[in-house]
Amino acid sequence: MMYERILVPTDGSKVAQAAVEHALDIAQRYDAEVHALFIADTDAVAYSLGAEQVDRIRQGKFSEMEELREEAEEATGYVVERGEELGLTVRERHAGGKPHRVVADYAEKEGIDLIVMGSHGRSGVRRALLGSVTERTLRSTHIPVLVVDYKGADEDEDDDVGA
């Protein structure tokens, strides 16, 4: 199996960073392009924002929401920095929506060969198996998904791969 394009959803958590390291290692072995995807979960933020702001997030327009923009840039920027150190091409994308749906749609649209994601990240209650976003992603795509569990990461943080 050859991998040409690898997608790594990231929320900047330690669990996501562990997934990033796996994705970069695989990308290096196959000389693959890496896609770093930050997703603002519009369901999670809809309660505190107005409809207009949620629409902007869905369109990936975070510029007017400084904290969210900084979080997105920091999360995908980490992937870019690490990728550049290894001589890899990394594409960044910031999006908003239902994370599992955005991951599946992005992967299909961009011709992704492999999705690498953490078993959990930020938001939600600790789950016995996988974070709900990871579980939903597994059910939403036929593209292979490598689930990376990083024991000890984010022990006190929450659990979903907010991607």
Protein backbone atom coordinates (compact mmCIF):
# COMPACT_ATOMS: atom_id res chain seq x y z
CA MET A 1 0.00 0.00 0.00
CA MET A 2 1.30 3.42 -0.96
CA TYR A 3 0.20 6.53 0.83
CA GLU A 4 0.33 9.76 -1.14
CA ARG A 5 -1.89 11.98 1.04
CA ILE A 6 -2.28 11.61 4.78
CA LEU A 7 -4.86 13.56 6.79
CA VAL A 8 -4.26 14.35 10.44
CA PRO A 9 -7.10 16.17 12.22
CA THR A 10 -5.63 18.12 15.13
CA ASP A 11 -6.88 20.18 18.04
CA GLY A 12 -3.40 20.82 19.42
CA SER A 13 -3.82 18.42 22.36
CA LYS A 14 -1.07 15.99 23.37
CA VAL A 15 -3.15 13.12 22.00
CA ALA A 16 -3.43 14.91 18.66
CA GLN A 17 0.31 15.64 18.69
CA ALA A 18 1.00 11.92 19.19
CA ALA A 19 -1.17 11.25 16.12
CA VAL A 20 0.75 13.97 14.24
CA GLU A 21 4.05 12.23 15.01
CA HIS A 22 2.67 8.92 13.64
CA ALA A 23 1.31 10.68 10.55
CA LEU A 24 4.64 12.41 9.89
CA ASP A 25 6.57 9.16 10.34
CA ILE A 26 4.35 7.40 7.80
CA ALA A 27 4.49 10.39 5.45
CA GLN A 28 8.28 10.37 5.60
CA ARG A 29 8.42 6.66 4.75
CA TYR A 30 6.13 7.09 1.73
CA ASP A 31 7.13 10.65 0.75
CA ALA A 32 3.48 11.58 1.22
CA GLU A 33 1.84 14.97 1.51
CA VAL A 34 0.35 15.71 4.94
CA HIS A 35 -2.93 17.56 5.43
CA ALA A 36 -3.35 19.17 8.86
CA LEU A 37 -7.02 19.85 9.59
CA PHE A 38 -8.39 21.88 12.51
CA ILE A 39 -12.13 21.69 12.97
CA ALA A 40 -14.21 23.98 15.15
CA ASP A 41 -17.14 21.89 16.30
CA THR A 42 -20.11 24.12 15.51
CA ASP A 43 -22.41 22.04 17.72
CA ALA A 44 -20.14 22.66 20.70
CA VAL A 45 -19.89 26.41 20.15
CA ALA A 46 -23.43 27.09 18.88
CA TYR A 47 -24.79 27.63 22.38
CA SER A 48 -22.51 30.54 23.15
CA LEU A 49 -22.43 32.19 19.72
CA GLY A 50 -24.96 33.73 17.41
CA ALA A 51 -26.05 32.13 14.12
CA GLU A 52 -23.91 34.55 12.10
CA GLN A 53 -20.73 33.57 13.98
CA VAL A 54 -21.53 29.85 13.64
CA ASP A 55 -21.96 30.35 9.87
CA ARG A 56 -18.53 32.04 9.71
CA ILE A 57 -16.99 29.11 11.59
CA ARG A 58 -18.62 26.63 9.20
CA GLN A 59 -16.94 28.50 6.36
CA GLY A 60 -13.58 28.34 8.15
CA LYS A 61 -13.56 32.13 8.66
CA PHE A 62 -12.01 32.41 12.11
CA SER A 63 -10.28 35.76 11.57
CA GLU A 64 -12.82 37.71 13.61
CA MET A 65 -12.71 35.21 16.47
CA GLU A 66 -9.17 35.73 17.69
CA GLU A 67 -9.04 32.98 20.30
CA LEU A 68 -10.39 30.34 17.91
CA ARG A 69 -8.11 31.54 15.09
CA GLU A 70 -5.07 31.36 17.38
CA GLU A 71 -6.02 27.86 18.54
CA ALA A 72 -6.45 26.72 14.92
CA GLU A 73 -3.18 28.30 13.75
CA GLU A 74 -1.26 26.86 16.70
CA ALA A 75 -2.66 23.34 16.13
CA THR A 76 -1.97 23.17 12.39
CA GLY A 77 1.18 25.28 12.70
CA TYR A 78 2.70 22.58 14.89
CA VAL A 79 2.17 20.07 12.06
CA VAL A 80 3.70 22.45 9.51
CA GLU A 81 6.78 23.08 11.68
CA ARG A 82 7.36 19.39 12.40
CA GLY A 83 6.74 18.49 8.75
CA GLU A 84 9.18 21.12 7.48
CA GLU A 85 11.85 19.78 9.85
CA LEU A 86 11.41 16.43 8.08
CA GLY A 87 11.29 17.90 4.58
CA LEU A 88 7.59 17.13 4.09
CA THR A 89 4.88 19.12 2.35
CA VAL A 90 2.09 20.04 4.76
CA ARG A 91 -1.19 21.68 3.78
CA GLU A 92 -3.20 23.46 6.48
CA ARG A 93 -6.97 23.76 6.56
CA HIS A 94 -9.27 25.28 9.17
CA ALA A 95 -12.94 24.34 8.97
CA GLY A 96 -16.10 24.32 11.02
CA GLY A 97 -18.92 21.82 11.32
CA LYS A 98 -19.52 18.38 12.75
CA PRO A 99 -15.95 17.07 13.11
CA HIS A 100 -16.52 13.49 11.91
CA ARG A 101 -18.45 14.72 8.87
CA VAL A 102 -15.83 17.38 8.03
CA VAL A 103 -13.03 14.78 8.29
CA ALA A 104 -14.86 12.28 6.05
CA ASP A 105 -15.85 14.92 3.48
CA TYR A 106 -12.39 16.50 3.39
CA ALA A 107 -10.71 13.10 3.03
CA GLU A 108 -12.93 12.16 0.11
CA LYS A 109 -12.63 15.54 -1.62
CA GLU A 110 -8.83 15.69 -1.29
CA GLY A 111 -8.14 12.06 -2.26
CA ILE A 112 -6.74 11.17 1.17
CA ASP A 113 -5.25 7.65 1.44
CA LEU A 114 -4.97 7.48 5.24
CA ILE A 115 -6.49 9.33 8.19
CA VAL A 116 -4.40 9.40 11.37
CA MET A 117 -6.16 10.63 14.49
CA GLY A 118 -5.98 10.42 18.25
CA SER A 119 -8.33 8.24 20.23
CA HIS A 120 -9.51 11.29 22.11
CA GLY A 121 -8.72 14.96 22.49
CA ARG A 122 -10.54 17.93 23.98
CA SER A 123 -14.19 18.11 25.02
CA GLY A 124 -16.56 15.57 26.42
CA VAL A 125 -16.65 12.99 29.15
CA ARG A 126 -13.94 10.31 29.34
CA ARG A 127 -15.02 7.27 27.34
CA ALA A 128 -14.07 3.64 27.83
CA LEU A 129 -13.00 3.06 24.21
CA LEU A 130 -12.60 5.85 21.69
CA GLY A 131 -13.62 9.47 21.63
CA SER A 132 -16.98 9.92 19.97
CA VAL A 133 -15.52 11.92 17.06
CA THR A 134 -13.08 9.09 16.32
CA GLU A 135 -15.85 6.49 16.51
CA ARG A 136 -18.09 8.52 14.22
CA THR A 137 -15.23 9.08 11.77
CA LEU A 138 -14.63 5.33 11.59
CA ARG A 139 -18.29 4.88 10.65
CA SER A 140 -18.35 7.80 8.19
CA THR A 141 -15.57 6.81 5.80
CA HIS A 142 -14.15 3.84 3.93
CA ILE A 143 -10.68 5.40 3.97
CA PRO A 144 -8.31 3.59 6.36
CA VAL A 145 -8.11 5.26 9.79
CA LEU A 146 -5.14 4.78 12.09
CA VAL A 147 -6.21 5.51 15.67
CA VAL A 148 -3.36 6.58 17.93
CA ASP A 149 -3.77 6.24 21.69
CA TYR A 150 -1.33 8.19 23.80
CA LYS A 151 -1.61 6.96 27.37
CA GLY A 152 -1.05 9.70 29.86
CA ALA A 153 -1.69 12.45 27.35
CA ASP A 154 -4.22 15.00 28.45
CA GLU A 155 -5.07 12.92 31.53
CA ASP A 156 -6.86 15.88 33.00
CA GLU A 157 -8.10 17.18 29.68
CA ASP A 158 -11.31 15.96 28.17
CA ASP A 159 -11.80 13.34 25.56
CA ASP A 160 -13.08 13.94 22.07
CA VAL A 161 -10.73 14.46 19.15
CA GLY A 162 -12.13 17.90 18.52
CA ALA A 163 -9.81 17.58 15.59
